[in-house]
Protein backbone atom coordinates (compact mmCIF):
# COMPACT_ATOMS: atom_id res chain seq x y z
CA UNK A 1 0.00 0.00 0.00
CA UNK A 2 1.23 3.52 -0.83
CA UNK A 3 1.29 5.69 2.29
CA UNK A 4 0.78 9.39 1.47
CA UNK A 5 -1.51 12.04 2.99
CA UNK A 6 -1.19 15.81 2.66
CA UNK A 7 -4.58 17.59 2.67
CA UNK A 8 -4.78 21.19 1.47
CA UNK A 9 -5.09 22.80 4.90
CA UNK A 10 -1.56 21.63 5.75
CA UNK A 11 -0.04 23.89 3.09
CA UNK A 12 -1.80 26.87 4.68
CA UNK A 13 -0.70 25.75 8.16
CA UNK A 14 2.94 25.54 7.06
CA UNK A 15 2.83 29.09 5.67
CA UNK A 16 1.28 30.27 8.92
CA UNK A 17 4.06 28.60 10.88
CA UNK A 18 6.70 30.32 8.72
CA UNK A 19 5.12 33.69 9.51
CA UNK A 20 4.85 33.04 13.26
CA UNK A 21 8.31 31.54 13.77
CA UNK A 22 9.91 34.99 14.08
CA UNK A 23 7.70 35.74 17.08
CA UNK A 24 8.87 32.83 19.20
CA UNK A 25 11.90 31.89 21.30
CA UNK A 26 11.44 28.15 21.66
CA UNK A 27 10.03 25.29 19.62
CA UNK A 28 8.42 22.54 21.70
CA UNK A 29 8.13 19.59 19.35
CA UNK A 30 5.91 16.67 20.32
CA UNK A 31 6.79 13.29 18.86
CA UNK A 32 5.20 9.89 19.38
CA UNK A 33 7.52 7.90 21.65
CA UNK A 34 6.80 4.74 19.64
CA UNK A 35 8.30 6.27 16.47
CA UNK A 36 10.28 9.37 17.56
CA UNK A 37 12.13 9.83 14.28
CA UNK A 38 9.30 9.03 11.85
CA UNK A 39 6.96 11.33 13.79
CA UNK A 40 9.30 14.34 13.43
CA UNK A 41 8.45 16.68 10.58
CA UNK A 42 11.80 17.36 8.84
CA UNK A 43 10.55 20.84 7.88
CA UNK A 44 10.74 21.87 11.54
CA UNK A 45 14.55 21.77 11.55
CA UNK A 46 14.64 24.18 8.65
CA UNK A 47 11.93 26.48 10.02
CA UNK A 48 13.39 26.49 13.52
CA UNK A 49 16.98 27.44 12.80
CA UNK A 50 18.33 29.73 15.53
CA UNK A 51 15.49 28.94 17.94
CA UNK A 52 15.63 27.01 21.21
CA UNK A 53 14.59 23.39 20.74
CA UNK A 54 12.85 20.90 22.96
CA UNK A 55 11.39 17.47 22.19
CA UNK A 56 8.64 15.80 24.20
CA UNK A 57 8.40 12.03 23.85
CA UNK A 58 4.62 11.93 24.22
CA UNK A 59 2.64 8.73 24.80
CA UNK A 60 5.77 7.34 26.44
CA UNK A 61 3.56 4.94 28.42
CA UNK A 62 2.79 3.14 25.12
CA UNK A 63 6.46 2.80 24.14
CA UNK A 64 9.04 0.25 25.25
CA UNK A 65 10.85 1.67 28.35
CA UNK A 66 14.22 0.68 26.88
CA UNK A 67 13.29 2.46 23.68
CA UNK A 68 12.38 5.60 25.62
CA UNK A 69 15.78 5.62 27.28
CA UNK A 70 17.60 5.10 23.98
CA UNK A 71 15.77 7.99 22.35
CA UNK A 72 16.36 10.31 25.31
CA UNK A 73 20.07 9.64 24.95
CA UNK A 74 19.89 10.15 21.19
CA UNK A 75 18.30 13.61 21.44
CA UNK A 76 20.80 14.56 24.13
CA UNK A 77 23.65 13.87 21.68
CA UNK A 78 21.98 16.33 19.26
CA UNK A 79 21.96 19.01 21.96
CA UNK A 80 18.16 18.90 22.16
CA UNK A 81 16.44 18.84 25.55
CA UNK A 82 14.10 15.83 25.66
CA UNK A 83 11.43 14.89 28.19
CA UNK A 84 9.28 11.75 28.51
CA UNK A 85 5.62 12.65 28.98
CA UNK A 86 2.18 11.11 29.03
CA UNK A 87 -0.17 14.02 28.47
CA UNK A 88 -3.28 12.01 29.36
CA UNK A 89 -2.09 11.15 32.89
CA UNK A 90 0.16 14.26 33.17
CA UNK A 91 3.19 12.06 33.88
CA UNK A 92 6.36 14.05 33.23
CA UNK A 93 4.51 17.38 32.92
CA UNK A 94 6.12 18.80 36.09
CA UNK A 95 9.59 18.39 34.59
CA UNK A 96 8.80 20.51 31.55
CA UNK A 97 9.21 23.93 33.16
CA UNK A 98 12.74 23.04 34.22
CA UNK A 99 13.45 21.80 30.69
CA UNK A 100 12.04 25.02 29.20
CA UNK A 101 14.36 27.06 31.39
CA UNK A 102 17.32 24.95 30.32
CA UNK A 103 16.43 25.23 26.62
CA UNK A 104 16.02 29.02 26.91
CA UNK A 105 19.04 29.68 29.10
CA UNK A 106 20.99 31.50 26.36
CA UNK A 107 17.94 33.56 25.40
CA UNK A 108 17.43 34.76 28.99
CA UNK A 109 21.12 35.65 29.30
CA UNK A 110 20.88 37.73 26.11
CA UNK A 111 17.77 39.49 27.44
CA UNK A 112 19.50 40.35 30.70
CA UNK A 113 22.48 41.87 28.87
CA UNK A 114 20.06 44.05 26.90
CA UNK A 115 18.25 45.09 30.07
CA UNK A 116 15.12 43.10 29.17
CA UNK A 117 13.75 41.54 32.34
CA UNK A 118 10.85 39.17 32.96
CA UNK A 119 9.71 38.95 29.35
CA UNK A 120 7.80 35.67 29.01
CA UNK A 121 9.24 32.92 26.87
CA UNK A 122 7.17 32.46 23.74
CA UNK A 123 7.05 28.84 22.68
CA UNK A 124 5.49 27.30 19.59
CA UNK A 125 4.05 23.82 20.10
CA UNK A 126 4.47 21.78 16.94
CA UNK A 127 3.96 18.20 15.86
CA UNK A 128 2.38 15.95 13.29
CA UNK A 129 -1.35 15.09 13.41
CA UNK A 130 -2.62 12.95 16.27
CA UNK A 131 0.60 13.19 18.30
CA UNK A 132 -1.22 14.78 21.24
CA UNK A 133 -0.39 18.50 21.11
CA UNK A 134 -3.77 19.72 22.35
CA UNK A 135 -3.89 17.13 25.13
CA UNK A 136 -0.39 18.20 26.22
CA UNK A 137 -1.31 21.91 26.29
CA UNK A 138 -4.43 21.22 28.33
CA UNK A 139 -2.42 19.08 30.76
CA UNK A 140 0.36 21.65 31.04
CA UNK A 141 -2.02 24.57 31.50
CA UNK A 142 -4.19 22.62 33.93
CA UNK A 143 -7.35 23.53 32.08
CA UNK A 144 -9.13 22.78 28.82
CA UNK A 145 -7.64 25.42 26.49
CA UNK A 146 -7.82 23.54 23.21
CA UNK A 147 -9.98 21.00 21.49
CA UNK A 148 -8.73 17.44 21.69
CA UNK A 149 -9.60 14.39 19.62
CA UNK A 150 -8.35 10.95 18.68
CA UNK A 151 -8.15 11.66 14.97
CA UNK A 152 -5.75 13.81 12.97
CA UNK A 153 -6.72 17.35 12.06
CA UNK A 154 -8.62 18.53 15.16
CA UNK A 155 -6.61 21.76 15.53
CA UNK A 156 -7.36 23.88 12.46
CA UNK A 157 -5.96 27.31 13.41
CA UNK A 158 -3.45 28.90 15.75
CA UNK A 159 -4.11 30.12 19.28
CA UNK A 160 -1.97 31.66 22.03
CA UNK A 161 -2.24 30.32 25.57
CA UNK A 162 -0.68 32.28 28.43
CA UNK A 163 0.69 30.18 31.28
CA UNK A 164 1.47 32.56 34.12
CA UNK A 165 4.00 35.35 33.68
CA UNK A 166 6.86 33.22 32.42
CA UNK A 167 5.54 31.34 29.38
CA UNK A 168 3.20 31.80 26.44
CA UNK A 169 2.37 28.87 24.17
CA UNK A 170 1.32 29.07 20.54
CA UNK A 171 -0.64 26.01 19.50
CA UNK A 172 -0.44 25.11 15.82
CA UNK A 173 -2.26 22.62 13.57
CA UNK A 174 -0.60 19.27 13.02
CA UNK A 175 1.21 19.15 9.70
CA UNK A 176 2.96 16.42 7.78
CA UNK A 177 5.29 17.05 4.85
CA UNK A 178 4.25 16.84 1.18
CA UNK A 179 5.84 13.50 0.31
CA UNK A 180 7.26 10.58 2.27
CA UNK A 181 10.47 9.70 0.44
CA UNK A 182 10.72 6.58 2.61
CA UNK A 183 7.50 4.56 2.55
CA UNK A 184 8.54 2.91 5.82
CA UNK A 185 8.09 6.31 7.47
CA UNK A 186 4.60 6.65 5.98
CA UNK A 187 3.76 3.14 7.10
CA UNK A 188 4.83 3.78 10.69
CA UNK A 189 2.80 7.02 10.74
CA UNK A 190 -0.22 5.06 9.54
CA UNK A 191 0.31 2.51 12.33
CA UNK A 192 -0.01 5.16 15.06
CA UNK A 193 -2.98 6.91 13.39
CA UNK A 194 -1.31 10.07 12.06
CA UNK A 195 -2.60 9.36 8.56
CA UNK A 196 -6.34 9.51 8.13
CA UNK A 197 -7.64 5.92 8.37
CA UNK A 198 -10.38 6.74 5.86
CA UNK A 199 -7.87 6.81 3.00
CA UNK A 200 -6.23 3.52 4.04
CA UNK A 201 -7.16 -0.11 3.41
CA UNK A 202 -7.43 -1.54 6.90
CA UNK A 203 -6.59 -5.11 5.99
CA UNK A 204 -3.41 -4.04 4.21
CA UNK A 205 -2.44 -1.79 7.12
CA UNK A 206 -2.95 -4.64 9.60
CA UNK A 207 -1.01 -7.02 7.33
CA UNK A 208 1.94 -4.62 7.19
CA UNK A 209 1.76 -4.18 10.95
CA UNK A 210 1.81 -7.92 11.64
CA UNK A 211 4.83 -8.36 9.39
CA UNK A 212 6.54 -5.42 11.09
CA UNK A 213 6.16 -6.71 14.68
CA UNK A 214 6.67 -10.42 13.96
CA UNK A 215 10.36 -10.38 14.84
CA UNK A 216 10.39 -7.24 17.00
CA UNK A 217 7.63 -8.27 19.41
CA UNK A 218 6.84 -11.95 18.69
CA UNK A 219 5.01 -12.36 22.00
CA UNK A 220 2.53 -9.52 21.45
CA UNK A 221 -0.19 -11.44 19.58
CA UNK A 222 -0.10 -14.39 21.96
CA UNK A 223 -0.22 -12.07 24.98
CA UNK A 224 -3.35 -10.36 23.70
CA UNK A 225 -5.26 -13.05 21.77
CA UNK A 226 -3.93 -16.30 23.20
CA UNK A 227 -2.23 -17.72 20.09
CA UNK A 228 1.13 -17.24 18.36
CA UNK A 229 1.31 -15.38 15.08
CA UNK A 230 0.45 -17.70 12.21
CA UNK A 231 2.69 -18.27 9.22
CA UNK A 232 0.92 -15.55 7.22
CA UNK A 233 -0.75 -12.30 8.33
CA UNK A 234 -3.96 -13.43 6.61
CA UNK A 235 -4.12 -16.52 8.82
CA UNK A 236 -3.45 -14.39 11.90
CA UNK A 237 -6.25 -11.96 11.02
CA UNK A 238 -8.65 -14.85 10.40
CA UNK A 239 -7.83 -16.28 13.83
CA UNK A 240 -8.36 -12.87 15.48
CA UNK A 241 -11.71 -12.64 13.69
CA UNK A 242 -12.72 -16.07 15.00
CA UNK A 243 -11.63 -15.32 18.58
CA UNK A 244 -13.31 -11.91 18.62
CA UNK A 245 -16.48 -13.15 16.92
CA UNK A 246 -16.11 -10.99 13.83
CA UNK A 247 -18.61 -12.41 11.35
CA UNK A 248 -20.64 -11.06 8.45
CA UNK A 249 -23.95 -12.53 7.33
CA UNK A 250 -23.72 -16.20 6.54
CA UNK A 251 -21.00 -16.74 9.17
CA UNK A 252 -18.31 -15.30 6.88
CA UNK A 253 -15.30 -13.99 8.79
CA UNK A 254 -15.13 -10.19 8.86
CA UNK A 255 -11.41 -9.61 8.29
CA UNK A 256 -11.81 -5.84 8.00
CA UNK A 257 -13.30 -5.69 11.49
CA UNK A 258 -10.53 -7.93 12.85
CA UNK A 259 -7.94 -5.63 11.27
CA UNK A 260 -9.55 -2.61 12.95
CA UNK A 261 -9.52 -4.42 16.31
CA UNK A 262 -5.83 -5.25 15.91
CA UNK A 263 -4.82 -1.66 15.09
CA UNK A 264 -6.96 -0.25 17.90
CA UNK A 265 -5.35 -2.69 20.35
CA UNK A 266 -1.90 -1.50 19.25
CA UNK A 267 -2.73 2.22 19.39
CA UNK A 268 -4.29 1.92 22.84
CA UNK A 269 -1.40 -0.12 24.25
CA UNK A 270 -3.39 -3.30 24.76
CA UNK A 271 -0.83 -5.23 22.69
CA UNK A 272 1.87 -4.13 25.12
CA UNK A 273 4.46 -1.37 25.10
CA UNK A 274 6.24 -1.16 21.73
CA UNK A 275 8.86 1.05 20.11
CA UNK A 276 8.87 0.54 16.38
CA UNK A 277 12.20 2.17 15.48
CA UNK A 278 15.61 2.62 17.05
CA UNK A 279 17.96 5.63 17.03
């Protein structure tokens, strides 16, 4: 299956980001801890040159703990402050202010030399669709400031959120980049739900996913469904359909429904904690 998705509103959102970047001091980039590299928009590095940088490994509770540690070390070698967070439970949120101060240390020193005191840090929150930006902002602010949803494209426009005297956040829509040169990147984004499911073929997505985890997490299917992965993904999906009672009229197995169950179990963490790429 060809994995590509770049709806028209993303072009507008990218232009908006280019205009706003000059107003900010720090870029807070949310990535999905299960695929920290694939869920980074490469355009951000270009747009954010000369700005403070910070990466939040969001949904870290769904990722392999060893993988989280490896990625934290990786970002550290790049000189980027990284923090593990789970925006839904607010785990790791308390450590962000300290990380913001560290990432903006040089900026504050420059302000002091110019006689500028107590100006709030302006941070732009960026990330691809469905990575959890709005949930993070609401958790960090301690109140419902933004709309949240479990599908890509909920945030359509920009909005500033003031957090006390020391920090202002600019929320931005989730944007991908126009073309995935590496289809493996597109595939991993589809796994976590950052590509609109409505343009995908669920059975093919589930087939690719089963092939992808077969060697990485061979115990995952047995742990969730009570049987080892079959020789082919088709056989595995049929067995999931039987176990979960997925039938169409005439007692025909509903493979599409079984595929949806499988992907939902992965995205919600019911298959276990998984990291799908290494530094």
